[in-house]
Amino acid sequence: PFIFPEIYELGIKNLREIFEFEIIEMTTARMHPDELYNN
């Protein structure tokens, strides 16, 4: 999601608008790959 934010945002938009899900983004959802690797 950090590398391809436009694709990620489109997916989140579809989950909200088409499926009407409530989205809970956890801490790691948008983290940089290096941050994920190091934590």
Full PDB file with SEQRES, HELIX, SHEET, SSBOND, CRYST1, ORIGX, SCALE, CONECT and MASTER records, all heavy atoms in Angstrom:
SEQRES   1 A   39  PRO PHE ILE PHE PRO GLU ILE TYR GLU LEU GLY ILE LYS          
SEQRES   2 A   39  ASN LEU ARG GLU ILE PHE GLU PHE GLU ILE ILE GLU MET          
SEQRES   3 A   39  THR THR ALA ARG MET HIS PRO ASP GLU LEU TYR ASN ASN          
HELIX    1 AA1 PRO A    5  GLU A   17  1                                  13    
HELIX    2 AA2 THR A   27  ARG A   30  5                                   4    
HELIX    3 AA3 PRO A   33  ASN A   38  1                                   6    
CRYST1    1.000    1.000    1.000  90.00  90.00  90.00 P 1           1          
ORIGX1      1.000000  0.000000  0.000000        0.00000                         
ORIGX2      0.000000  1.000000  0.000000        0.00000                         
ORIGX3      0.000000  0.000000  1.000000        0.00000                         
SCALE1      1.000000  0.000000  0.000000        0.00000                         
SCALE2      0.000000  1.000000  0.000000        0.00000                         
SCALE3      0.000000  0.000000  1.000000        0.00000                         
ATOM      1  N   PRO A   1       0.811  -1.217   0.000  1.00  0.00           N  
ATOM      2  CA  PRO A   1       0.000   0.000   0.000  1.00  0.00           C  
ATOM      3  C   PRO A   1       0.848   1.273   0.000  1.00  0.00           C  
ATOM      4  O   PRO A   1       0.452   2.283  -0.567  1.00  0.00           O  
ATOM      5  CB  PRO A   1      -0.824  -0.120   1.285  1.00  0.00           C  
ATOM      6  CG  PRO A   1      -0.962  -1.593   1.469  1.00  0.00           C  
ATOM      7  CD  PRO A   1       0.390  -2.140   1.048  1.00  0.00           C  
ATOM      8  N   PHE A   2       2.023   1.219   0.610  1.00  0.00           N  
ATOM      9  CA  PHE A   2       2.931   2.372   0.593  1.00  0.00           C  
ATOM     10  C   PHE A   2       3.511   2.565  -0.809  1.00  0.00           C  
ATOM     11  O   PHE A   2       3.640   3.693  -1.283  1.00  0.00           O  
ATOM     12  CB  PHE A   2       4.064   2.160   1.604  1.00  0.00           C  
ATOM     13  CG  PHE A   2       5.017   3.316   1.687  1.00  0.00           C  
ATOM     14  CD1 PHE A   2       4.784   4.354   2.566  1.00  0.00           C  
ATOM     15  CD2 PHE A   2       6.140   3.366   0.878  1.00  0.00           C  
ATOM     16  CE1 PHE A   2       5.660   5.436   2.638  1.00  0.00           C  
ATOM     17  CE2 PHE A   2       7.016   4.436   0.939  1.00  0.00           C  
ATOM     18  CZ  PHE A   2       6.776   5.468   1.818  1.00  0.00           C  
ATOM     19  N   ILE A   3       3.838   1.463  -1.463  1.00  0.00           N  
ATOM     20  CA  ILE A   3       4.465   1.517  -2.792  1.00  0.00           C  
ATOM     21  C   ILE A   3       3.451   1.872  -3.874  1.00  0.00           C  
ATOM     22  O   ILE A   3       3.760   2.611  -4.813  1.00  0.00           O  
ATOM     23  CB  ILE A   3       5.147   0.167  -3.108  1.00  0.00           C  
ATOM     24  CG1 ILE A   3       6.280  -0.081  -2.116  1.00  0.00           C  
ATOM     25  CG2 ILE A   3       5.670   0.139  -4.540  1.00  0.00           C  
ATOM     26  CD1 ILE A   3       6.852  -1.483  -2.157  1.00  0.00           C  
ATOM     27  N   PHE A   4       2.237   1.357  -3.752  1.00  0.00           N  
ATOM     28  CA  PHE A   4       1.181   1.588  -4.746  1.00  0.00           C  
ATOM     29  C   PHE A   4      -0.050   2.213  -4.075  1.00  0.00           C  
ATOM     30  O   PHE A   4      -1.121   1.598  -4.012  1.00  0.00           O  
ATOM     31  CB  PHE A   4       0.788   0.269  -5.414  1.00  0.00           C  
ATOM     32  CG  PHE A   4       1.916  -0.428  -6.105  1.00  0.00           C  
ATOM     33  CD1 PHE A   4       2.464  -1.585  -5.567  1.00  0.00           C  
ATOM     34  CD2 PHE A   4       2.446   0.074  -7.287  1.00  0.00           C  
ATOM     35  CE1 PHE A   4       3.510  -2.240  -6.202  1.00  0.00           C  
ATOM     36  CE2 PHE A   4       3.490  -0.572  -7.933  1.00  0.00           C  
ATOM     37  CZ  PHE A   4       4.028  -1.728  -7.388  1.00  0.00           C  
ATOM     38  N   PRO A   5       0.070   3.447  -3.583  1.00  0.00           N  
ATOM     39  CA  PRO A   5      -1.049   4.033  -2.835  1.00  0.00           C  
ATOM     40  C   PRO A   5      -2.316   4.217  -3.650  1.00  0.00           C  
ATOM     41  O   PRO A   5      -3.422   4.106  -3.097  1.00  0.00           O  
ATOM     42  CB  PRO A   5      -0.495   5.378  -2.356  1.00  0.00           C  
ATOM     43  CG  PRO A   5       0.644   5.688  -3.269  1.00  0.00           C  
ATOM     44  CD  PRO A   5       1.195   4.362  -3.693  1.00  0.00           C  
ATOM     45  N   GLU A   6      -2.200   4.472  -4.955  1.00  0.00           N  
ATOM     46  CA  GLU A   6      -3.403   4.682  -5.767  1.00  0.00           C  
ATOM     47  C   GLU A   6      -4.226   3.394  -5.853  1.00  0.00           C  
ATOM     48  O   GLU A   6      -5.459   3.428  -5.757  1.00  0.00           O  
ATOM     49  CB  GLU A   6      -3.043   5.162  -7.188  1.00  0.00           C  
ATOM     50  CG  GLU A   6      -2.324   6.493  -7.233  1.00  0.00           C  
ATOM     51  CD  GLU A   6      -0.810   6.373  -7.041  1.00  0.00           C  
ATOM     52  OE1 GLU A   6      -0.263   5.237  -7.052  1.00  0.00           O  
ATOM     53  OE2 GLU A   6      -0.162   7.410  -6.853  1.00  0.00           O  
ATOM     54  N   ILE A   7      -3.550   2.276  -6.033  1.00  0.00           N  
ATOM     55  CA  ILE A   7      -4.238   0.988  -6.108  1.00  0.00           C  
ATOM     56  C   ILE A   7      -4.865   0.652  -4.753  1.00  0.00           C  
ATOM     57  O   ILE A   7      -6.000   0.191  -4.671  1.00  0.00           O  
ATOM     58  CB  ILE A   7      -3.273  -0.125  -6.579  1.00  0.00           C  
ATOM     59  CG1 ILE A   7      -2.817   0.173  -8.007  1.00  0.00           C  
ATOM     60  CG2 ILE A   7      -3.926  -1.499  -6.464  1.00  0.00           C  
ATOM     61  CD1 ILE A   7      -1.689  -0.708  -8.490  1.00  0.00           C  
ATOM     62  N   TYR A   8      -4.110   0.906  -3.697  1.00  0.00           N  
ATOM     63  CA  TYR A   8      -4.612   0.658  -2.344  1.00  0.00           C  
ATOM     64  C   TYR A   8      -5.867   1.487  -2.078  1.00  0.00           C  
ATOM     65  O   TYR A   8      -6.879   0.973  -1.602  1.00  0.00           O  
ATOM     66  CB  TYR A   8      -3.520   0.978  -1.321  1.00  0.00           C  
ATOM     67  CG  TYR A   8      -3.963   0.834   0.105  1.00  0.00           C  
ATOM     68  CD1 TYR A   8      -4.102  -0.419   0.688  1.00  0.00           C  
ATOM     69  CD2 TYR A   8      -4.251   1.953   0.889  1.00  0.00           C  
ATOM     70  CE1 TYR A   8      -4.511  -0.552   2.008  1.00  0.00           C  
ATOM     71  CE2 TYR A   8      -4.653   1.829   2.199  1.00  0.00           C  
ATOM     72  CZ  TYR A   8      -4.783   0.574   2.754  1.00  0.00           C  
ATOM     73  OH  TYR A   8      -5.190   0.438   4.050  1.00  0.00           O  
ATOM     74  N   GLU A   9      -5.812   2.778  -2.403  1.00  0.00           N  
ATOM     75  CA  GLU A   9      -6.958   3.666  -2.171  1.00  0.00           C  
ATOM     76  C   GLU A   9      -8.178   3.222  -2.976  1.00  0.00           C  
ATOM     77  O   GLU A   9      -9.303   3.286  -2.480  1.00  0.00           O  
ATOM     78  CB  GLU A   9      -6.608   5.116  -2.518  1.00  0.00           C  
ATOM     79  CG  GLU A   9      -5.660   5.764  -1.542  1.00  0.00           C  
ATOM     80  CD  GLU A   9      -6.208   5.870  -0.127  1.00  0.00           C  
ATOM     81  OE1 GLU A   9      -7.444   5.931   0.062  1.00  0.00           O  
ATOM     82  OE2 GLU A   9      -5.395   5.879   0.806  1.00  0.00           O  
ATOM     83  N   LEU A  10      -7.960   2.762  -4.203  1.00  0.00           N  
ATOM     84  CA  LEU A  10      -9.069   2.262  -5.012  1.00  0.00           C  
ATOM     85  C   LEU A  10      -9.702   1.032  -4.357  1.00  0.00           C  
ATOM     86  O   LEU A  10     -10.926   0.894  -4.315  1.00  0.00           O  
ATOM     87  CB  LEU A  10      -8.598   1.931  -6.426  1.00  0.00           C  
ATOM     88  CG  LEU A  10      -9.663   1.385  -7.377  1.00  0.00           C  
ATOM     89  CD1 LEU A  10     -10.813   2.374  -7.546  1.00  0.00           C  
ATOM     90  CD2 LEU A  10      -9.040   1.041  -8.718  1.00  0.00           C  
ATOM     91  N   GLY A  11      -8.866   0.152  -3.846  1.00  0.00           N  
ATOM     92  CA  GLY A  11      -9.380  -1.033  -3.150  1.00  0.00           C  
ATOM     93  C   GLY A  11     -10.190  -0.661  -1.919  1.00  0.00           C  
ATOM     94  O   GLY A  11     -11.274  -1.206  -1.692  1.00  0.00           O  
ATOM     95  N   ILE A  12      -9.678   0.284  -1.129  1.00  0.00           N  
ATOM     96  CA  ILE A  12     -10.397   0.737   0.064  1.00  0.00           C  
ATOM     97  C   ILE A  12     -11.726   1.380  -0.336  1.00  0.00           C  
ATOM     98  O   ILE A  12     -12.766   1.124   0.265  1.00  0.00           O  
ATOM     99  CB  ILE A  12      -9.535   1.729   0.874  1.00  0.00           C  
ATOM    100  CG1 ILE A  12      -8.280   1.048   1.434  1.00  0.00           C  
ATOM    101  CG2 ILE A  12     -10.350   2.380   1.991  1.00  0.00           C  
ATOM    102  CD1 ILE A  12      -8.547  -0.053   2.420  1.00  0.00           C  
ATOM    103  N   LYS A  13     -11.691   2.195  -1.381  1.00  0.00           N  
ATOM    104  CA  LYS A  13     -12.906   2.855  -1.876  1.00  0.00           C  
ATOM    105  C   LYS A  13     -13.946   1.813  -2.280  1.00  0.00           C  
ATOM    106  O   LYS A  13     -15.126   1.928  -1.939  1.00  0.00           O  
ATOM    107  CB  LYS A  13     -12.552   3.745  -3.066  1.00  0.00           C  
ATOM    108  CG  LYS A  13     -13.732   4.452  -3.683  1.00  0.00           C  
ATOM    109  CD  LYS A  13     -13.277   5.321  -4.854  1.00  0.00           C  
ATOM    110  CE  LYS A  13     -14.449   6.061  -5.434  1.00  0.00           C  
ATOM    111  NZ  LYS A  13     -14.759   5.678  -6.800  1.00  0.00           N  
ATOM    112  N   ASN A  14     -13.517   0.775  -3.006  1.00  0.00           N  
ATOM    113  CA  ASN A  14     -14.443  -0.276  -3.436  1.00  0.00           C  
ATOM    114  C   ASN A  14     -15.018  -1.054  -2.255  1.00  0.00           C  
ATOM    115  O   ASN A  14     -16.199  -1.390  -2.239  1.00  0.00           O  
ATOM    116  CB  ASN A  14     -13.762  -1.225  -4.413  1.00  0.00           C  
ATOM    117  CG  ASN A  14     -13.542  -0.593  -5.769  1.00  0.00           C  
ATOM    118  OD1 ASN A  14     -14.217   0.358  -6.144  1.00  0.00           O  
ATOM    119  ND2 ASN A  14     -12.574  -1.103  -6.506  1.00  0.00           N  
ATOM    120  N   LEU A  15     -14.172  -1.349  -1.283  1.00  0.00           N  
ATOM    121  CA  LEU A  15     -14.660  -2.058  -0.096  1.00  0.00           C  
ATOM    122  C   LEU A  15     -15.725  -1.237   0.624  1.00  0.00           C  
ATOM    123  O   LEU A  15     -16.710  -1.781   1.126  1.00  0.00           O  
ATOM    124  CB  LEU A  15     -13.505  -2.369   0.856  1.00  0.00           C  
ATOM    125  CG  LEU A  15     -12.533  -3.442   0.384  1.00  0.00           C  
ATOM    126  CD1 LEU A  15     -11.297  -3.474   1.274  1.00  0.00           C  
ATOM    127  CD2 LEU A  15     -13.203  -4.803   0.353  1.00  0.00           C  
ATOM    128  N   ARG A  16     -15.534   0.081   0.661  1.00  0.00           N  
ATOM    129  CA  ARG A  16     -16.502   0.952   1.331  1.00  0.00           C  
ATOM    130  C   ARG A  16     -17.769   1.142   0.496  1.00  0.00           C  
ATOM    131  O   ARG A  16     -18.877   1.032   1.017  1.00  0.00           O  
ATOM    132  CB  ARG A  16     -15.865   2.312   1.617  1.00  0.00           C  
ATOM    133  CG  ARG A  16     -14.891   2.285   2.761  1.00  0.00           C  
ATOM    134  CD  ARG A  16     -14.402   3.680   3.119  1.00  0.00           C  
ATOM    135  NE  ARG A  16     -13.572   3.618   4.311  1.00  0.00           N  
ATOM    136  CZ  ARG A  16     -12.370   4.151   4.410  1.00  0.00           C  
ATOM    137  NH1 ARG A  16     -11.858   4.834   3.416  1.00  0.00           N  
ATOM    138  NH2 ARG A  16     -11.688   4.038   5.534  1.00  0.00           N  
ATOM    139  N   GLU A  17     -17.593   1.471  -0.784  1.00  0.00           N  
ATOM    140  CA  GLU A  17     -18.734   1.860  -1.604  1.00  0.00           C  
ATOM    141  C   GLU A  17     -19.519   0.677  -2.179  1.00  0.00           C  
ATOM    142  O   GLU A  17     -20.746   0.716  -2.220  1.00  0.00           O  
ATOM    143  CB  GLU A  17     -18.283   2.784  -2.735  1.00  0.00           C  
ATOM    144  CG  GLU A  17     -17.788   4.118  -2.215  1.00  0.00           C  
ATOM    145  CD  GLU A  17     -17.302   5.051  -3.310  1.00  0.00           C  
ATOM    146  OE1 GLU A  17     -17.431   4.721  -4.506  1.00  0.00           O  
ATOM    147  OE2 GLU A  17     -16.768   6.122  -2.955  1.00  0.00           O  
ATOM    148  N   ILE A  18     -18.828  -0.345  -2.617  1.00  0.00           N  
ATOM    149  CA  ILE A  18     -19.513  -1.489  -3.228  1.00  0.00           C  
ATOM    150  C   ILE A  18     -20.007  -2.467  -2.166  1.00  0.00           C  
ATOM    151  O   ILE A  18     -21.166  -2.883  -2.174  1.00  0.00           O  
ATOM    152  CB  ILE A  18     -18.595  -2.197  -4.248  1.00  0.00           C  
ATOM    153  CG1 ILE A  18     -18.282  -1.244  -5.415  1.00  0.00           C  
ATOM    154  CG2 ILE A  18     -19.237  -3.490  -4.741  1.00  0.00           C  
ATOM    155  CD1 ILE A  18     -17.212  -1.742  -6.356  1.00  0.00           C  
ATOM    156  N   PHE A  19     -19.127  -2.831  -1.253  1.00  0.00           N  
ATOM    157  CA  PHE A  19     -19.485  -3.825  -0.237  1.00  0.00           C  
ATOM    158  C   PHE A  19     -20.034  -3.200   1.042  1.00  0.00           C  
ATOM    159  O   PHE A  19     -20.571  -3.899   1.893  1.00  0.00           O  
ATOM    160  CB  PHE A  19     -18.275  -4.706   0.090  1.00  0.00           C  
ATOM    161  CG  PHE A  19     -17.818  -5.524  -1.073  1.00  0.00           C  
ATOM    162  CD1 PHE A  19     -16.726  -5.136  -1.830  1.00  0.00           C  
ATOM    163  CD2 PHE A  19     -18.491  -6.674  -1.437  1.00  0.00           C  
ATOM    164  CE1 PHE A  19     -16.296  -5.887  -2.916  1.00  0.00           C  
ATOM    165  CE2 PHE A  19     -18.076  -7.440  -2.518  1.00  0.00           C  
ATOM    166  CZ  PHE A  19     -16.980  -7.042  -3.262  1.00  0.00           C  
ATOM    167  N   GLU A  20     -19.854  -1.877   1.184  1.00  0.00           N  
ATOM    168  CA  GLU A  20     -20.320  -1.126   2.343  1.00  0.00           C  
ATOM    169  C   GLU A  20     -19.708  -1.617   3.649  1.00  0.00           C  
ATOM    170  O   GLU A  20     -20.366  -1.635   4.696  1.00  0.00           O  
ATOM    171  CB  GLU A  20     -21.851  -1.143   2.407  1.00  0.00           C  
ATOM    172  CG  GLU A  20     -22.498  -0.512   1.192  1.00  0.00           C  
ATOM    173  CD  GLU A  20     -24.009  -0.565   1.223  1.00  0.00           C  
ATOM    174  OE1 GLU A  20     -24.602  -0.810   2.302  1.00  0.00           O  
ATOM    175  OE2 GLU A  20     -24.616  -0.365   0.154  1.00  0.00           O  
ATOM    176  N   PHE A  21     -18.436  -2.030   3.588  1.00  0.00           N  
ATOM    177  CA  PHE A  21     -17.718  -2.449   4.786  1.00  0.00           C  
ATOM    178  C   PHE A  21     -17.191  -1.229   5.534  1.00  0.00           C  
ATOM    179  O   PHE A  21     -16.860  -0.209   4.931  1.00  0.00           O  
ATOM    180  CB  PHE A  21     -16.529  -3.346   4.438  1.00  0.00           C  
ATOM    181  CG  PHE A  21     -16.905  -4.697   3.889  1.00  0.00           C  
ATOM    182  CD1 PHE A  21     -16.066  -5.334   2.993  1.00  0.00           C  
ATOM    183  CD2 PHE A  21     -18.061  -5.342   4.266  1.00  0.00           C  
ATOM    184  CE1 PHE A  21     -16.381  -6.580   2.482  1.00  0.00           C  
ATOM    185  CE2 PHE A  21     -18.393  -6.594   3.762  1.00  0.00           C  
ATOM    186  CZ  PHE A  21     -17.543  -7.211   2.869  1.00  0.00           C  
ATOM    187  N   GLU A  22     -17.094  -1.365   6.831  1.00  0.00           N  
ATOM    188  CA  GLU A  22     -16.405  -0.372   7.645  1.00  0.00           C  
ATOM    189  C   GLU A  22     -14.943  -0.801   7.705  1.00  0.00           C  
ATOM    190  O   GLU A  22     -14.643  -1.920   8.124  1.00  0.00           O  
ATOM    191  CB  GLU A  22     -17.006  -0.314   9.046  1.00  0.00           C  
ATOM    192  CG  GLU A  22     -16.348   0.717   9.929  1.00  0.00           C  
ATOM    193  CD  GLU A  22     -16.940   0.773  11.319  1.00  0.00           C  
ATOM    194  OE1 GLU A  22     -18.084   0.314  11.518  1.00  0.00           O  
ATOM    195  OE2 GLU A  22     -16.239   1.277  12.205  1.00  0.00           O  
ATOM    196  N   ILE A  23     -14.055   0.062   7.285  1.00  0.00           N  
ATOM    197  CA  ILE A  23     -12.637  -0.281   7.184  1.00  0.00           C  
ATOM    198  C   ILE A  23     -11.895   0.184   8.429  1.00  0.00           C  
ATOM    199  O   ILE A  23     -11.992   1.351   8.825  1.00  0.00           O  
ATOM    200  CB  ILE A  23     -12.009   0.361   5.922  1.00  0.00           C  
ATOM    201  CG1 ILE A  23     -12.756  -0.092   4.667  1.00  0.00           C  
ATOM    202  CG2 ILE A  23     -10.525   0.064   5.847  1.00  0.00           C  
ATOM    203  CD1 ILE A  23     -12.789  -1.582   4.449  1.00  0.00           C  
ATOM    204  N   ILE A  24     -11.151  -0.727   9.017  1.00  0.00           N  
ATOM    205  CA  ILE A  24     -10.292  -0.433  10.158  1.00  0.00           C  
ATOM    206  C   ILE A  24      -8.852  -0.644   9.690  1.00  0.00           C  
ATOM    207  O   ILE A  24      -8.430  -1.783   9.470  1.00  0.00           O  
ATOM    208  CB  ILE A  24     -10.586  -1.379  11.356  1.00  0.00           C  
ATOM    209  CG1 ILE A  24     -12.074  -1.435  11.681  1.00  0.00           C  
ATOM    210  CG2 ILE A  24      -9.733  -1.007  12.554  1.00  0.00           C  
ATOM    211  CD1 ILE A  24     -12.692  -0.144  12.123  1.00  0.00           C  
ATOM    212  N   GLU A  25      -8.125   0.431   9.487  1.00  0.00           N  
ATOM    213  CA  GLU A  25      -6.727   0.312   9.055  1.00  0.00           C  
ATOM    214  C   GLU A  25      -5.839   0.151  10.283  1.00  0.00           C  
ATOM    215  O   GLU A  25      -5.780   1.027  11.135  1.00  0.00           O  
ATOM    216  CB  GLU A  25      -6.296   1.538   8.257  1.00  0.00           C  
ATOM    217  CG  GLU A  25      -6.936   1.619   6.899  1.00  0.00           C  
ATOM    218  CD  GLU A  25      -6.387   2.759   6.077  1.00  0.00           C  
ATOM    219  OE1 GLU A  25      -5.358   2.573   5.418  1.00  0.00           O  
ATOM    220  OE2 GLU A  25      -6.995   3.842   6.122  1.00  0.00           O  
ATOM    221  N   MET A  26      -5.169  -0.970  10.338  1.00  0.00           N  
ATOM    222  CA  MET A  26      -4.260  -1.232  11.443  1.00  0.00           C  
ATOM    223  C   MET A  26      -2.946  -0.472  11.201  1.00  0.00           C  
ATOM    224  O   MET A  26      -2.719   0.062  10.113  1.00  0.00           O  
ATOM    225  CB  MET A  26      -4.022  -2.738  11.577  1.00  0.00           C  
ATOM    226  CG  MET A  26      -5.293  -3.568  11.732  1.00  0.00           C  
ATOM    227  SD  MET A  26      -6.284  -3.161  13.177  1.00  0.00           S  
ATOM    228  CE  MET A  26      -5.379  -4.049  14.431  1.00  0.00           C  
ATOM    229  N   THR A  27      -2.092  -0.441  12.193  1.00  0.00           N  
ATOM    230  CA  THR A  27      -0.838   0.313  12.145  1.00  0.00           C  
ATOM    231  C   THR A  27      -0.006   0.000  10.910  1.00  0.00           C  
ATOM    232  O   THR A  27       0.571   0.892  10.287  1.00  0.00           O  
ATOM    233  CB  THR A  27       0.000   0.020  13.414  1.00  0.00           C  
ATOM    234  OG1 THR A  27      -0.795   0.297  14.558  1.00  0.00           O  
ATOM    235  CG2 THR A  27       1.251   0.863  13.453  1.00  0.00           C  
ATOM    236  N   THR A  28       0.048  -1.250  10.520  1.00  0.00           N  
ATOM    237  CA  THR A  28       0.915  -1.659   9.415  1.00  0.00           C  
ATOM    238  C   THR A  28       0.328  -1.381   8.036  1.00  0.00           C  
ATOM    239  O   THR A  28       1.029  -1.516   7.033  1.00  0.00           O  
ATOM    240  CB  THR A  28       1.219  -3.171   9.483  1.00  0.00           C  
ATOM    241  OG1 THR A  28      -0.013  -3.902   9.436  1.00  0.00           O  
ATOM    242  CG2 THR A  28       2.015  -3.512  10.726  1.00  0.00           C  
ATOM    243  N   ALA A  29      -0.936  -0.996   7.960  1.00  0.00           N  
ATOM    244  CA  ALA A  29      -1.620  -0.902   6.673  1.00  0.00           C  
ATOM    245  C   ALA A  29      -0.859  -0.079   5.636  1.00  0.00           C  
ATOM    246  O   ALA A  29      -0.766  -0.463   4.478  1.00  0.00           O  
ATOM    247  CB  ALA A  29      -3.025  -0.337   6.861  1.00  0.00           C  
ATOM    248  N   ARG A  30      -0.287   1.041   6.026  1.00  0.00           N  
ATOM    249  CA  ARG A  30       0.382   1.933   5.066  1.00  0.00           C  
ATOM    250  C   ARG A  30       1.870   2.117   5.348  1.00  0.00           C  
ATOM    251  O   ARG A  30       2.487   3.049   4.835  1.00  0.00           O  
ATOM    252  CB  ARG A  30      -0.289   3.298   5.079  1.00  0.00           C  
ATOM    253  CG  ARG A  30      -1.741   3.268   4.652  1.00  0.00           C  
ATOM    254  CD  ARG A  30      -2.363   4.644   4.826  1.00  0.00           C  
ATOM    255  NE  ARG A  30      -3.775   4.636   4.566  1.00  0.00           N  
ATOM    256  CZ  ARG A  30      -4.326   5.081   3.439  1.00  0.00           C  
ATOM    257  NH1 ARG A  30      -3.586   5.556   2.475  1.00  0.00           N  
ATOM    258  NH2 ARG A  30      -5.636   5.043   3.290  1.00  0.00           N  
ATOM    259  N   MET A  31       2.439   1.249   6.157  1.00  0.00           N  
ATOM    260  CA  MET A  31       3.846   1.414   6.535  1.00  0.00           C  
ATOM    261  C   MET A  31       4.798   1.183   5.359  1.00  0.00           C  
ATOM    262  O   MET A  31       4.525   0.366   4.475  1.00  0.00           O  
ATOM    263  CB  MET A  31       4.214   0.461   7.675  1.00  0.00           C  
ATOM    264  CG  MET A  31       3.694   0.895   9.021  1.00  0.00           C  
ATOM    265  SD  MET A  31       4.154  -0.248  10.348  1.00  0.00           S  
ATOM    266  CE  MET A  31       5.829   0.275  10.650  1.00  0.00           C  
ATOM    267  N   HIS A  32       5.904   1.877   5.402  1.00  0.00           N  
ATOM    268  CA  HIS A  32       6.983   1.705   4.422  1.00  0.00           C  
ATOM    269  C   HIS A  32       7.548   0.282   4.565  1.00  0.00           C  
ATOM    270  O   HIS A  32       7.652  -0.240   5.686  1.00  0.00           O  
ATOM    271  CB  HIS A  32       8.068   2.749   4.693  1.00  0.00           C  
ATOM    272  CG  HIS A  32       9.136   2.776   3.660  1.00  0.00           C  
ATOM    273  ND1 HIS A  32      10.167   1.864   3.629  1.00  0.00           N  
ATOM    274  CD2 HIS A  32       9.324   3.603   2.612  1.00  0.00           C  
ATOM    275  CE1 HIS A  32      10.955   2.131   2.615  1.00  0.00           C  
ATOM    276  NE2 HIS A  32      10.467   3.189   1.973  1.00  0.00           N  
ATOM    277  N   PRO A  33       7.919  -0.352   3.462  1.00  0.00           N  
ATOM    278  CA  PRO A  33       8.462  -1.713   3.535  1.00  0.00           C  
ATOM    279  C   PRO A  33       9.643  -1.865   4.497  1.00  0.00           C  
ATOM    280  O   PRO A  33       9.757  -2.878   5.189  1.00  0.00           O  
ATOM    281  CB  PRO A  33       8.894  -2.011   2.097  1.00  0.00           C  
ATOM    282  CG  PRO A  33       8.037  -1.136   1.257  1.00  0.00           C  
ATOM    283  CD  PRO A  33       7.796   0.109   2.072  1.00  0.00           C  
ATOM    284  N   ASP A  34      10.520  -0.864   4.555  1.00  0.00           N  
ATOM    285  CA  ASP A  34      11.660  -0.948   5.484  1.00  0.00           C  
ATOM    286  C   ASP A  34      11.202  -0.917   6.938  1.00  0.00           C  
ATOM    287  O   ASP A  34      11.753  -1.623   7.781  1.00  0.00           O  
ATOM    288  CB  ASP A  34      12.652   0.190   5.222  1.00  0.00           C  
ATOM    289  CG  ASP A  34      13.367   0.052   3.892  1.00  0.00           C  
ATOM    290  OD1 ASP A  34      13.435  -1.078   3.356  1.00  0.00           O  
ATOM    291  OD2 ASP A  34      13.863   1.081   3.378  1.00  0.00           O  
ATOM    292  N   GLU A  35      10.189  -0.107   7.233  1.00  0.00           N  
ATOM    293  CA  GLU A  35       9.644  -0.057   8.595  1.00  0.00           C  
ATOM    294  C   GLU A  35       9.048  -1.409   8.973  1.00  0.00           C  
ATOM    295  O   GLU A  35       9.235  -1.891  10.092  1.00  0.00           O  
ATOM    296  CB  GLU A  35       8.568   1.011   8.713  1.00  0.00           C  
ATOM    297  CG  GLU A  35       9.075   2.437   8.699  1.00  0.00           C  
ATOM    298  CD  GLU A  35       7.926   3.406   8.837  1.00  0.00           C  
ATOM    299  OE1 GLU A  35       7.305   3.708   7.801  1.00  0.00           O  
ATOM    300  OE2 GLU A  35       7.651   3.839   9.980  1.00  0.00           O  
ATOM    301  N   LEU A  36       8.319  -1.998   8.031  1.00  0.00           N  
ATOM    302  CA  LEU A  36       7.740  -3.322   8.293  1.00  0.00           C  
ATOM    303  C   LEU A  36       8.834  -4.352   8.565  1.00  0.00           C  
ATOM    304  O   LEU A  36       8.750  -5.123   9.515  1.00  0.00           O  
ATOM    305  CB  LEU A  36       6.894  -3.771   7.107  1.00  0.00           C  
ATOM    306  CG  LEU A  36       5.565  -3.058   6.921  1.00  0.00           C  
ATOM    307  CD1 LEU A  36       4.968  -3.401   5.566  1.00  0.00           C  
ATOM    308  CD2 LEU A  36       4.601  -3.430   8.033  1.00  0.00           C  
ATOM    309  N   TYR A  37       9.857  -4.339   7.730  1.00  0.00           N  
ATOM    310  CA  TYR A  37      10.952  -5.299   7.872  1.00  0.00           C  
ATOM    311  C   TYR A  37      11.656  -5.146   9.221  1.00  0.00           C  
ATOM    312  O   TYR A  37      11.997  -6.134   9.869  1.00  0.00           O  
ATOM    313  CB  TYR A  37      11.949  -5.113   6.720  1.00  0.00           C  
ATOM    314  CG  TYR A  37      13.137  -6.033   6.809  1.00  0.00           C  
ATOM    315  CD1 TYR A  37      13.038  -7.353   6.380  1.00  0.00           C  
ATOM    316  CD2 TYR A  37      14.351  -5.593   7.321  1.00  0.00           C  
ATOM    317  CE1 TYR A  37      14.123  -8.207   6.464  1.00  0.00           C  
ATOM    318  CE2 TYR A  37      15.444  -6.441   7.405  1.00  0.00           C  
ATOM    319  CZ  TYR A  37      15.333  -7.752   6.981  1.00  0.00           C  
ATOM    320  OH  TYR A  37      16.407  -8.590   7.082  1.00  0.00           O  
ATOM    321  N   ASN A  38      11.846  -3.906   9.640  1.00  0.00           N  
ATOM    322  CA  ASN A  38      12.606  -3.633  10.865  1.00  0.00           C  
ATOM    323  C   ASN A  38      11.772  -3.706  12.138  1.00  0.00           C  
ATOM    324  O   ASN A  38      12.323  -3.552  13.233  1.00  0.00           O  
ATOM    325  CB  ASN A  38      13.273  -2.257  10.769  1.00  0.00           C  
ATOM    326  CG  ASN A  38      14.373  -2.238   9.736  1.00  0.00           C  
ATOM    327  OD1 ASN A  38      15.144  -3.185   9.622  1.00  0.00           O  
ATOM    328  ND2 ASN A  38      14.441  -1.168   8.968  1.00  0.00           N  
ATOM    329  N   ASN A  39      10.479  -3.940  12.024  1.00  0.00           N  
ATOM    330  CA  ASN A  39       9.605  -3.954  13.200  1.00  0.00           C  
ATOM    331  C   ASN A  39       8.686  -5.177  13.229  1.00  0.00           C  
ATOM    332  O   ASN A  39       7.465  -5.051  13.130  1.00  0.00           O  
ATOM    333  CB  ASN A  39       8.760  -2.675  13.226  1.00  0.00           C  
ATOM    334  CG  ASN A  39       9.598  -1.448  13.467  1.00  0.00           C  
ATOM    335  OD1 ASN A  39      10.098  -1.255  14.558  1.00  0.00           O  
ATOM    336  ND2 ASN A  39       9.758  -0.637  12.434  1.00  0.00           N  
TER     337      ASN A  39                                                      
MASTER        0    0    0    3    0    0    0    6  336    1    0    3          
END                                                                             
